[in-house]
Amino acid sequence: MADTHKKEIDRVTGVETTGHEWDGLKELNNPLPKWWLYIFYASIVWAIGYWVVYPSWPLISSYSAGVLGDSQRENALAAYDAGMSERAQIGEKLIDASLSDIEGTQSLLEFAMANGRAAFGDNCAACHGTGATGSNGYPNLQDDNWIWGGSLDAIHQTLQYGIRSTHDETRFGEMPAFGRDGMLDKEQITQVANYVASKVGLDTESGVDLAAGEQVYVDNCAACHGEDLKGMQEVGAPNLTARNWLYDRSLAGIEAQVNNPRNSVMPAWTDRLDPATVKSLAVYVHSLGGGE
């Protein structure tokens, strides 16, 4: 062990050693710079002052409140309450304004778009997709093929009361199960499915009587889908000539739908979201480009 009392001047640096030596390496007596020491001491004083002024010391069931009694949690809650109060004020303006007025007033439109975009991501994207392009059984909200209408008022009504939901004012239009319930036999289903396929540009089976299929269509389908197959929004009958179908756009898909149709359900959002949010959703969805 080195002799701690043996000090000398280092030949290279000219600095006195501390007398400590390890395996021939000697420690130089270089004190810390005064500016560094002053900052260090000031930090200690600052820490002590912080402990006294602000909440910092943990207690058994709480913490010391400090001289100022400041709390970041309380500040955050106050900021949240202020934001919610401001949101409620703008929300009341949305409720009082018509949908067209919202689109025509910049401040209301900006709030409705931001609020609607957030609400869409939280409530609608799971079915319609984050880009609102839909999927099998869920409508594409960016195209112009709207089953129940794509105007602001129509979108708002659909959002409020849903489609085939449990709400008393829901939109309700259900395609009959022509095959399952025995209204059409297998041959008639094949004929009408091939007829529809032929009218919308799909491949058909050879040897099927399309004229007979047309008659089956006129007798059973035209009342809702129209003689031109372009549907009727009043009853929620889809436009069969559109490129985007809610379900399988194929001959087999048509036969399956005529035989035992799938009738999707959209919930009524008026019981789940506040009126301002429902209006915001209507404005946001209408802005996606597919609305009327």
C-alpha atoms as a PDB file:
ATOM      1  CA  MET A   1       0.000   0.000   0.000  1.00  0.00           C
ATOM      2  CA  ALA A   2       1.296   3.474  -0.953  1.00  0.00           C
ATOM      3  CA  ASP A   3       2.501   5.970   1.670  1.00  0.00           C
ATOM      4  CA  THR A   4      -0.306   8.553   1.858  1.00  0.00           C
ATOM      5  CA  HIS A   5       2.079  11.174   3.430  1.00  0.00           C
ATOM      6  CA  LYS A   6       4.594  11.057   0.624  1.00  0.00           C
ATOM      7  CA  LYS A   7       3.827  13.999  -1.628  1.00  0.00           C
ATOM      8  CA  GLU A   8       5.896  15.265  -4.505  1.00  0.00           C
ATOM      9  CA  ILE A   9       5.702  17.401  -7.633  1.00  0.00           C
ATOM     10  CA  ASP A  10       4.890  15.511 -10.831  1.00  0.00           C
ATOM     11  CA  ARG A  11       7.665  16.070 -13.370  1.00  0.00           C
ATOM     12  CA  VAL A  12       5.385  16.139 -16.389  1.00  0.00           C
ATOM     13  CA  THR A  13       2.534  18.368 -15.169  1.00  0.00           C
ATOM     14  CA  GLY A  14       4.234  20.238 -12.348  1.00  0.00           C
ATOM     15  CA  VAL A  15       1.250  19.461 -10.104  1.00  0.00           C
ATOM     16  CA  GLU A  16       1.642  18.247  -6.552  1.00  0.00           C
ATOM     17  CA  THR A  17       0.535  14.666  -5.970  1.00  0.00           C
ATOM     18  CA  THR A  18      -1.798  13.575  -3.204  1.00  0.00           C
ATOM     19  CA  GLY A  19       0.564  10.875  -2.053  1.00  0.00           C
ATOM     20  CA  HIS A  20      -1.737   8.101  -3.313  1.00  0.00           C
ATOM     21  CA  GLU A  21      -0.188   5.568  -5.622  1.00  0.00           C
ATOM     22  CA  TRP A  22      -1.570   2.406  -7.262  1.00  0.00           C
ATOM     23  CA  ASP A  23       0.726   0.144  -9.198  1.00  0.00           C
ATOM     24  CA  GLY A  24       3.021   3.017 -10.022  1.00  0.00           C
ATOM     25  CA  LEU A  25       0.216   5.425 -10.950  1.00  0.00           C
ATOM     26  CA  LYS A  26       0.201   8.567  -8.813  1.00  0.00           C
ATOM     27  CA  GLU A  27      -2.854  10.742  -8.184  1.00  0.00           C
ATOM     28  CA  LEU A  28      -2.479  14.430  -8.965  1.00  0.00           C
ATOM     29  CA  ASN A  29      -3.928  16.956  -6.542  1.00  0.00           C
ATOM     30  CA  ASN A  30      -6.170  18.775  -9.076  1.00  0.00           C
ATOM     31  CA  PRO A  31      -9.081  20.439  -7.237  1.00  0.00           C
ATOM     32  CA  LEU A  32     -12.445  20.906  -8.989  1.00  0.00           C
ATOM     33  CA  PRO A  33     -12.951  24.271 -10.741  1.00  0.00           C
ATOM     34  CA  LYS A  34     -14.576  26.836  -8.488  1.00  0.00           C
ATOM     35  CA  TRP A  35     -17.394  27.496 -10.983  1.00  0.00           C
ATOM     36  CA  TRP A  36     -18.305  23.813 -10.862  1.00  0.00           C
ATOM     37  CA  LEU A  37     -18.294  23.806  -7.053  1.00  0.00           C
ATOM     38  CA  TYR A  38     -20.461  26.934  -6.954  1.00  0.00           C
ATOM     39  CA  ILE A  39     -23.026  25.320  -9.257  1.00  0.00           C
ATOM     40  CA  PHE A  40     -22.982  22.153  -7.157  1.00  0.00           C
ATOM     41  CA  TYR A  41     -23.541  24.077  -3.933  1.00  0.00           C
ATOM     42  CA  ALA A  42     -26.278  26.171  -5.574  1.00  0.00           C
ATOM     43  CA  SER A  43     -27.984  22.950  -6.705  1.00  0.00           C
ATOM     44  CA  ILE A  44     -28.032  21.712  -3.125  1.00  0.00           C
ATOM     45  CA  VAL A  45     -29.550  24.987  -1.931  1.00  0.00           C
ATOM     46  CA  TRP A  46     -32.107  24.861  -4.786  1.00  0.00           C
ATOM     47  CA  ALA A  47     -33.053  21.268  -3.912  1.00  0.00           C
ATOM     48  CA  ILE A  48     -33.614  22.167  -0.274  1.00  0.00           C
ATOM     49  CA  GLY A  49     -35.728  25.149  -1.289  1.00  0.00           C
ATOM     50  CA  TYR A  50     -37.741  22.997  -3.712  1.00  0.00           C
ATOM     51  CA  TRP A  51     -38.422  20.444  -0.982  1.00  0.00           C
ATOM     52  CA  VAL A  52     -39.826  23.232   1.213  1.00  0.00           C
ATOM     53  CA  VAL A  53     -41.831  25.152  -1.414  1.00  0.00           C
ATOM     54  CA  TYR A  54     -43.308  22.328  -3.541  1.00  0.00           C
ATOM     55  CA  PRO A  55     -44.892  18.969  -2.691  1.00  0.00           C
ATOM     56  CA  SER A  56     -42.064  16.473  -2.510  1.00  0.00           C
ATOM     57  CA  TRP A  57     -41.817  14.463   0.696  1.00  0.00           C
ATOM     58  CA  PRO A  58     -43.814  11.222   0.763  1.00  0.00           C
ATOM     59  CA  LEU A  59     -45.800  10.560   3.917  1.00  0.00           C
ATOM     60  CA  ILE A  60     -47.596   7.428   5.112  1.00  0.00           C
ATOM     61  CA  SER A  61     -50.839   8.034   3.217  1.00  0.00           C
ATOM     62  CA  SER A  62     -50.158  11.257   1.291  1.00  0.00           C
ATOM     63  CA  TYR A  63     -47.297  13.714   0.732  1.00  0.00           C
ATOM     64  CA  SER A  64     -46.104  17.083   2.005  1.00  0.00           C
ATOM     65  CA  ALA A  65     -48.072  19.895   0.351  1.00  0.00           C
ATOM     66  CA  GLY A  66     -45.239  22.414   0.395  1.00  0.00           C
ATOM     67  CA  VAL A  67     -45.433  26.128   1.177  1.00  0.00           C
ATOM     68  CA  LEU A  68     -47.116  26.965  -2.145  1.00  0.00           C
ATOM     69  CA  GLY A  69     -49.441  23.971  -2.079  1.00  0.00           C
ATOM     70  CA  ASP A  70     -48.907  23.544  -5.822  1.00  0.00           C
ATOM     71  CA  SER A  71     -49.977  20.249  -7.438  1.00  0.00           C
ATOM     72  CA  GLN A  72     -49.372  19.233 -11.035  1.00  0.00           C
ATOM     73  CA  ARG A  73     -52.277  16.798 -10.778  1.00  0.00           C
ATOM     74  CA  GLU A  74     -54.641  19.568  -9.690  1.00  0.00           C
ATOM     75  CA  ASN A  75     -53.285  21.807 -12.442  1.00  0.00           C
ATOM     76  CA  ALA A  76     -53.896  19.085 -15.028  1.00  0.00           C
ATOM     77  CA  LEU A  77     -57.443  18.507 -13.758  1.00  0.00           C
ATOM     78  CA  ALA A  78     -58.123  22.246 -13.844  1.00  0.00           C
ATOM     79  CA  ALA A  79     -56.849  22.445 -17.414  1.00  0.00           C
ATOM     80  CA  TYR A  80     -59.018  19.460 -18.335  1.00  0.00           C
ATOM     81  CA  ASP A  81     -62.094  21.051 -16.766  1.00  0.00           C
ATOM     82  CA  ALA A  82     -61.397  24.303 -18.611  1.00  0.00           C
ATOM     83  CA  GLY A  83     -61.063  22.441 -21.893  1.00  0.00           C
ATOM     84  CA  MET A  84     -64.277  20.514 -21.301  1.00  0.00           C
ATOM     85  CA  SER A  85     -66.086  23.746 -20.419  1.00  0.00           C
ATOM     86  CA  GLU A  86     -64.886  25.374 -23.637  1.00  0.00           C
ATOM     87  CA  ARG A  87     -65.856  22.255 -25.584  1.00  0.00           C
ATOM     88  CA  ALA A  88     -69.316  22.298 -24.012  1.00  0.00           C
ATOM     89  CA  GLN A  89     -69.807  25.932 -25.031  1.00  0.00           C
ATOM     90  CA  ILE A  90     -68.929  25.195 -28.646  1.00  0.00           C
ATOM     91  CA  GLY A  91     -70.988  22.008 -28.449  1.00  0.00           C
ATOM     92  CA  GLU A  92     -74.049  24.047 -27.466  1.00  0.00           C
ATOM     93  CA  LYS A  93     -73.512  26.204 -30.541  1.00  0.00           C
ATOM     94  CA  LEU A  94     -73.370  23.054 -32.668  1.00  0.00           C
ATOM     95  CA  ILE A  95     -76.626  21.798 -31.171  1.00  0.00           C
ATOM     96  CA  ASP A  96     -78.370  25.117 -31.852  1.00  0.00           C
ATOM     97  CA  ALA A  97     -76.986  25.469 -35.399  1.00  0.00           C
ATOM     98  CA  SER A  98     -78.330  23.667 -38.447  1.00  0.00           C
ATOM     99  CA  LEU A  99     -76.074  21.245 -40.292  1.00  0.00           C
ATOM    100  CA  SER A 100     -75.727  23.616 -43.237  1.00  0.00           C
ATOM    101  CA  ASP A 101     -74.876  26.496 -40.891  1.00  0.00           C
ATOM    102  CA  ILE A 102     -72.142  24.380 -39.323  1.00  0.00           C
ATOM    103  CA  GLU A 103     -70.574  23.747 -42.710  1.00  0.00           C
ATOM    104  CA  GLY A 104     -70.868  27.455 -43.529  1.00  0.00           C
ATOM    105  CA  THR A 105     -69.341  28.781 -40.285  1.00  0.00           C
ATOM    106  CA  GLN A 106     -65.573  28.359 -40.152  1.00  0.00           C
ATOM    107  CA  SER A 107     -65.201  28.148 -36.368  1.00  0.00           C
ATOM    108  CA  LEU A 108     -68.026  25.626 -36.024  1.00  0.00           C
ATOM    109  CA  LEU A 109     -66.798  23.638 -39.016  1.00  0.00           C
ATOM    110  CA  GLU A 110     -63.255  23.375 -37.626  1.00  0.00           C
ATOM    111  CA  PHE A 111     -64.554  22.129 -34.285  1.00  0.00           C
ATOM    112  CA  ALA A 112     -67.024  19.720 -35.901  1.00  0.00           C
ATOM    113  CA  MET A 113     -64.340  18.265 -38.186  1.00  0.00           C
ATOM    114  CA  ALA A 114     -61.874  17.727 -35.323  1.00  0.00           C
ATOM    115  CA  ASN A 115     -64.555  16.332 -33.031  1.00  0.00           C
ATOM    116  CA  GLY A 116     -66.049  14.166 -35.779  1.00  0.00           C
ATOM    117  CA  ARG A 117     -62.690  12.759 -36.838  1.00  0.00           C
ATOM    118  CA  ALA A 118     -61.911  11.708 -33.273  1.00  0.00           C
ATOM    119  CA  ALA A 119     -65.396  10.245 -32.743  1.00  0.00           C
ATOM    120  CA  PHE A 120     -65.162   8.347 -36.042  1.00  0.00           C
ATOM    121  CA  GLY A 121     -61.885   6.749 -35.002  1.00  0.00           C
ATOM    122  CA  ASP A 122     -63.321   5.740 -31.629  1.00  0.00           C
ATOM    123  CA  ASN A 123     -66.736   4.488 -32.757  1.00  0.00           C
ATOM    124  CA  CYS A 124     -66.968   3.927 -36.511  1.00  0.00           C
ATOM    125  CA  ALA A 125     -63.547   2.863 -37.788  1.00  0.00           C
ATOM    126  CA  ALA A 126     -63.911  -0.657 -36.408  1.00  0.00           C
ATOM    127  CA  CYS A 127     -66.555  -1.372 -39.082  1.00  0.00           C
ATOM    128  CA  HIS A 128     -66.025   1.245 -41.793  1.00  0.00           C
ATOM    129  CA  GLY A 129     -62.219   1.289 -41.547  1.00  0.00           C
ATOM    130  CA  THR A 130     -59.910   4.116 -40.524  1.00  0.00           C
ATOM    131  CA  GLY A 131     -60.135   5.520 -44.047  1.00  0.00           C
ATOM    132  CA  ALA A 132     -63.944   5.059 -44.158  1.00  0.00           C
ATOM    133  CA  THR A 133     -63.603   2.801 -47.203  1.00  0.00           C
ATOM    134  CA  GLY A 134     -65.644   0.017 -45.598  1.00  0.00           C
ATOM    135  CA  SER A 135     -65.355  -3.731 -46.160  1.00  0.00           C
ATOM    136  CA  ASN A 136     -67.611  -6.689 -46.914  1.00  0.00           C
ATOM    137  CA  GLY A 137     -70.930  -5.897 -45.243  1.00  0.00           C
ATOM    138  CA  TYR A 138     -69.901  -2.357 -44.233  1.00  0.00           C
ATOM    139  CA  PRO A 139     -70.528   0.530 -46.673  1.00  0.00           C
ATOM    140  CA  ASN A 140     -67.749   2.584 -48.241  1.00  0.00           C
ATOM    141  CA  LEU A 141     -68.412   6.140 -47.046  1.00  0.00           C
ATOM    142  CA  GLN A 142     -66.110   7.705 -49.633  1.00  0.00           C
ATOM    143  CA  ASP A 143     -67.991   6.657 -52.757  1.00  0.00           C
ATOM    144  CA  ASP A 144     -71.241   8.113 -54.104  1.00  0.00           C
ATOM    145  CA  ASN A 145     -73.246   4.895 -53.769  1.00  0.00           C
ATOM    146  CA  TRP A 146     -75.393   5.559 -50.697  1.00  0.00           C
ATOM    147  CA  ILE A 147     -78.072   3.040 -49.764  1.00  0.00           C
ATOM    148  CA  TRP A 148     -80.032   5.441 -47.544  1.00  0.00           C
ATOM    149  CA  GLY A 149     -78.877   8.754 -49.023  1.00  0.00           C
ATOM    150  CA  GLY A 150     -75.674  10.750 -48.630  1.00  0.00           C
ATOM    151  CA  SER A 151     -76.992  14.231 -47.918  1.00  0.00           C
ATOM    152  CA  LEU A 152     -76.105  15.916 -44.634  1.00  0.00           C
ATOM    153  CA  ASP A 153     -79.586  15.367 -43.256  1.00  0.00           C
ATOM    154  CA  ALA A 154     -79.730  11.740 -44.436  1.00  0.00           C
ATOM    155  CA  ILE A 155     -76.344  10.943 -42.878  1.00  0.00           C
ATOM    156  CA  HIS A 156     -77.381  12.650 -39.654  1.00  0.00           C
ATOM    157  CA  GLN A 157     -80.612  10.661 -39.506  1.00  0.00           C
ATOM    158  CA  THR A 158     -78.790   7.389 -40.126  1.00  0.00           C
ATOM    159  CA  LEU A 159     -76.307   8.205 -37.373  1.00  0.00           C
ATOM    160  CA  GLN A 160     -79.037   9.160 -34.942  1.00  0.00           C
ATOM    161  CA  TYR A 161     -81.322   6.169 -35.340  1.00  0.00           C
ATOM    162  CA  GLY A 162     -79.237   3.523 -37.106  1.00  0.00           C
ATOM    163  CA  ILE A 163     -80.264   0.887 -39.620  1.00  0.00           C
ATOM    164  CA  ARG A 164     -82.465  -1.969 -38.393  1.00  0.00           C
ATOM    165  CA  SER A 165     -81.445  -1.036 -34.842  1.00  0.00           C
ATOM    166  CA  THR A 166     -83.522  -1.245 -31.675  1.00  0.00           C
ATOM    167  CA  HIS A 167     -84.408   2.457 -31.790  1.00  0.00           C
ATOM    168  CA  ASP A 168     -88.080   3.239 -32.431  1.00  0.00           C
ATOM    169  CA  GLU A 169     -87.185   5.634 -35.271  1.00  0.00           C
ATOM    170  CA  THR A 170     -84.576   3.453 -36.945  1.00  0.00           C
ATOM    171  CA  ARG A 171     -84.410   3.128 -40.705  1.00  0.00           C
ATOM    172  CA  PHE A 172     -85.775  -0.262 -41.603  1.00  0.00           C
ATOM    173  CA  GLY A 173     -85.693  -2.022 -44.943  1.00  0.00           C
ATOM    174  CA  GLU A 174     -85.262  -5.765 -45.091  1.00  0.00           C
ATOM    175  CA  MET A 175     -84.840  -7.924 -48.160  1.00  0.00           C
ATOM    176  CA  PRO A 176     -87.096 -11.012 -48.082  1.00  0.00           C
ATOM    177  CA  ALA A 177     -85.557 -14.481 -47.986  1.00  0.00           C
ATOM    178  CA  PHE A 178     -87.047 -15.618 -51.305  1.00  0.00           C
ATOM    179  CA  GLY A 179     -85.494 -19.055 -51.188  1.00  0.00           C
ATOM    180  CA  ARG A 180     -85.479 -19.802 -47.497  1.00  0.00           C
ATOM    181  CA  ASP A 181     -89.130 -18.833 -47.089  1.00  0.00           C
ATOM    182  CA  GLY A 182     -90.249 -20.630 -50.266  1.00  0.00           C
ATOM    183  CA  MET A 183     -91.289 -17.560 -52.271  1.00  0.00           C
ATOM    184  CA  LEU A 184     -89.090 -18.642 -55.178  1.00  0.00           C
ATOM    185  CA  ASP A 185     -87.902 -22.104 -56.166  1.00  0.00           C
ATOM    186  CA  LYS A 186     -84.305 -22.953 -56.988  1.00  0.00           C
ATOM    187  CA  GLU A 187     -84.782 -22.560 -60.742  1.00  0.00           C
ATOM    188  CA  GLN A 188     -86.328 -19.109 -60.346  1.00  0.00           C
ATOM    189  CA  ILE A 189     -83.474 -18.020 -58.079  1.00  0.00           C
ATOM    190  CA  THR A 190     -80.966 -19.191 -60.679  1.00  0.00           C
ATOM    191  CA  GLN A 191     -82.849 -17.344 -63.413  1.00  0.00           C
ATOM    192  CA  VAL A 192     -83.192 -14.042 -61.584  1.00  0.00           C
ATOM    193  CA  ALA A 193     -79.589 -14.166 -60.335  1.00  0.00           C
ATOM    194  CA  ASN A 194     -78.317 -14.688 -63.878  1.00  0.00           C
ATOM    195  CA  TYR A 195     -80.565 -11.913 -65.153  1.00  0.00           C
ATOM    196  CA  VAL A 196     -79.173  -9.440 -62.605  1.00  0.00           C
ATOM    197  CA  ALA A 197     -75.627 -10.609 -63.349  1.00  0.00           C
ATOM    198  CA  SER A 198     -76.176 -10.017 -67.056  1.00  0.00           C
ATOM    199  CA  LYS A 199     -77.397  -6.463 -66.404  1.00  0.00           C
ATOM    200  CA  VAL A 200     -74.431  -5.481 -64.233  1.00  0.00           C
ATOM    201  CA  GLY A 201     -71.665  -6.937 -66.392  1.00  0.00           C
ATOM    202  CA  LEU A 202     -71.005 -10.227 -64.599  1.00  0.00           C
ATOM    203  CA  ASP A 203     -70.529 -13.640 -66.190  1.00  0.00           C
ATOM    204  CA  THR A 204     -73.660 -15.798 -66.425  1.00  0.00           C
ATOM    205  CA  GLU A 205     -74.314 -19.513 -66.723  1.00  0.00           C
ATOM    206  CA  SER A 206     -75.006 -20.893 -70.185  1.00  0.00           C
ATOM    207  CA  GLY A 207     -78.477 -22.223 -70.931  1.00  0.00           C
ATOM    208  CA  VAL A 208     -80.270 -20.141 -68.304  1.00  0.00           C
ATOM    209  CA  ASP A 209     -83.496 -18.498 -69.471  1.00  0.00           C
ATOM    210  CA  LEU A 210     -82.715 -14.794 -68.910  1.00  0.00           C
ATOM    211  CA  ALA A 211     -86.160 -13.727 -70.147  1.00  0.00           C
ATOM    212  CA  ALA A 212     -87.735 -15.818 -67.402  1.00  0.00           C
ATOM    213  CA  GLY A 213     -85.275 -14.300 -64.958  1.00  0.00           C
ATOM    214  CA  GLU A 214     -86.321 -10.824 -66.036  1.00  0.00           C
ATOM    215  CA  GLN A 215     -89.944 -11.685 -65.333  1.00  0.00           C
ATOM    216  CA  VAL A 216     -89.038 -13.015 -61.886  1.00  0.00           C
ATOM    217  CA  TYR A 217     -87.157  -9.756 -61.254  1.00  0.00           C
ATOM    218  CA  VAL A 218     -90.096  -7.599 -62.368  1.00  0.00           C
ATOM    219  CA  ASP A 219     -92.531  -9.564 -60.215  1.00  0.00           C
ATOM    220  CA  ASN A 220     -90.421  -9.696 -57.070  1.00  0.00           C
ATOM    221  CA  CYS A 221     -87.525  -7.226 -57.099  1.00  0.00           C
ATOM    222  CA  ALA A 222     -88.379  -4.188 -59.210  1.00  0.00           C
ATOM    223  CA  ALA A 223     -90.668  -2.695 -56.570  1.00  0.00           C
ATOM    224  CA  CYS A 224     -87.598  -1.950 -54.430  1.00  0.00           C
ATOM    225  CA  HIS A 225     -84.585  -2.037 -56.766  1.00  0.00           C
ATOM    226  CA  GLY A 226     -86.423  -0.420 -59.672  1.00  0.00           C
ATOM    227  CA  GLU A 227     -86.834  -1.686 -63.210  1.00  0.00           C
ATOM    228  CA  ASP A 228     -83.456  -0.110 -64.045  1.00  0.00           C
ATOM    229  CA  LEU A 229     -81.814  -1.886 -61.047  1.00  0.00           C
ATOM    230  CA  LYS A 230     -80.688   1.449 -59.605  1.00  0.00           C
ATOM    231  CA  GLY A 231     -82.376   0.954 -56.267  1.00  0.00           C
ATOM    232  CA  MET A 232     -84.474   3.209 -54.060  1.00  0.00           C
ATOM    233  CA  GLN A 233     -82.926   5.106 -51.161  1.00  0.00           C
ATOM    234  CA  GLU A 234     -86.353   5.612 -49.596  1.00  0.00           C
ATOM    235  CA  VAL A 235     -86.492   1.926 -48.656  1.00  0.00           C
ATOM    236  CA  GLY A 236     -82.761   1.245 -48.461  1.00  0.00           C
ATOM    237  CA  ALA A 237     -82.668  -0.869 -51.639  1.00  0.00           C
ATOM    238  CA  PRO A 238     -79.125  -0.809 -53.084  1.00  0.00           C
ATOM    239  CA  ASN A 239     -78.228   0.295 -56.582  1.00  0.00           C
ATOM    240  CA  LEU A 240     -77.334  -3.001 -58.285  1.00  0.00           C
ATOM    241  CA  THR A 241     -75.601  -1.263 -61.195  1.00  0.00           C
ATOM    242  CA  ALA A 242     -72.985   0.321 -58.898  1.00  0.00           C
ATOM    243  CA  ARG A 243     -69.472  -1.064 -58.804  1.00  0.00           C
ATOM    244  CA  ASN A 244     -69.311  -1.199 -55.022  1.00  0.00           C
ATOM    245  CA  TRP A 245     -71.641  -3.738 -53.448  1.00  0.00           C
ATOM    246  CA  LEU A 246     -72.238  -4.199 -49.778  1.00  0.00           C
ATOM    247  CA  TYR A 247     -71.710  -7.945 -50.142  1.00  0.00           C
ATOM    248  CA  ASP A 248     -70.265 -10.374 -52.693  1.00  0.00           C
ATOM    249  CA  ARG A 249     -70.517  -8.934 -56.237  1.00  0.00           C
ATOM    250  CA  SER A 250     -70.643 -12.224 -58.118  1.00  0.00           C
ATOM    251  CA  LEU A 251     -73.223 -14.613 -59.516  1.00  0.00           C
ATOM    252  CA  ALA A 252     -72.837 -16.882 -56.503  1.00  0.00           C
ATOM    253  CA  GLY A 253     -73.171 -13.867 -54.216  1.00  0.00           C
ATOM    254  CA  ILE A 254     -76.389 -12.796 -55.911  1.00  0.00           C
ATOM    255  CA  GLU A 255     -77.897 -16.269 -55.576  1.00  0.00           C
ATOM    256  CA  ALA A 256     -76.924 -16.406 -51.900  1.00  0.00           C
ATOM    257  CA  GLN A 257     -78.483 -13.021 -51.229  1.00  0.00           C
ATOM    258  CA  VAL A 258     -81.749 -13.877 -53.013  1.00  0.00           C
ATOM    259  CA  ASN A 259     -81.958 -17.223 -51.234  1.00  0.00           C
ATOM    260  CA  ASN A 260     -81.132 -16.093 -47.678  1.00  0.00           C
ATOM    261  CA  PRO A 261     -80.187 -12.396 -47.525  1.00  0.00           C
ATOM    262  CA  ARG A 262     -77.877 -10.787 -45.053  1.00  0.00           C
ATOM    263  CA  ASN A 263     -79.461  -7.710 -43.476  1.00  0.00           C
ATOM    264  CA  SER A 264     -76.816  -5.784 -41.592  1.00  0.00           C
ATOM    265  CA  VAL A 265     -77.479  -3.673 -38.513  1.00  0.00           C
ATOM    266  CA  MET A 266     -76.033  -0.268 -37.682  1.00  0.00           C
ATOM    267  CA  PRO A 267     -76.530   0.925 -34.088  1.00  0.00           C
ATOM    268  CA  ALA A 268     -78.390   4.110 -33.197  1.00  0.00           C
ATOM    269  CA  TRP A 269     -75.782   6.572 -31.944  1.00  0.00           C
ATOM    270  CA  THR A 270     -78.237   9.037 -30.440  1.00  0.00           C
ATOM    271  CA  ASP A 271     -78.354   6.849 -27.302  1.00  0.00           C
ATOM    272  CA  ARG A 272     -74.569   6.475 -27.146  1.00  0.00           C
ATOM    273  CA  LEU A 273     -73.133   9.876 -28.121  1.00  0.00           C
ATOM    274  CA  ASP A 274     -74.178  13.423 -27.254  1.00  0.00           C
ATOM    275  CA  PRO A 275     -76.032  15.449 -29.906  1.00  0.00           C
ATOM    276  CA  ALA A 276     -73.030  17.674 -30.671  1.00  0.00           C
ATOM    277  CA  THR A 277     -70.853  14.639 -31.394  1.00  0.00           C
ATOM    278  CA  VAL A 278     -73.512  13.068 -33.626  1.00  0.00           C
ATOM    279  CA  LYS A 279     -73.723  16.300 -35.615  1.00  0.00           C
ATOM    280  CA  SER A 280     -69.931  16.463 -35.805  1.00  0.00           C
ATOM    281  CA  LEU A 281     -69.858  12.913 -37.159  1.00  0.00           C
ATOM    282  CA  ALA A 282     -72.445  13.809 -39.808  1.00  0.00           C
ATOM    283  CA  VAL A 283     -70.392  16.806 -40.957  1.00  0.00           C
ATOM    284  CA  TYR A 284     -67.150  14.801 -40.941  1.00  0.00           C
ATOM    285  CA  VAL A 285     -68.591  11.853 -42.886  1.00  0.00           C
ATOM    286  CA  HIS A 286     -70.216  14.209 -45.390  1.00  0.00           C
ATOM    287  CA  SER A 287     -66.841  15.885 -45.950  1.00  0.00           C
ATOM    288  CA  LEU A 288     -65.201  12.609 -47.020  1.00  0.00           C
ATOM    289  CA  GLY A 289     -66.346  13.205 -50.583  1.00  0.00           C
ATOM    290  CA  GLY A 290     -68.988  10.567 -51.105  1.00  0.00           C
ATOM    291  CA  GLY A 291     -71.934  12.532 -49.798  1.00  0.00           C
ATOM    292  CA  GLU A 292     -74.536  14.264 -51.902  1.00  0.00           C
END
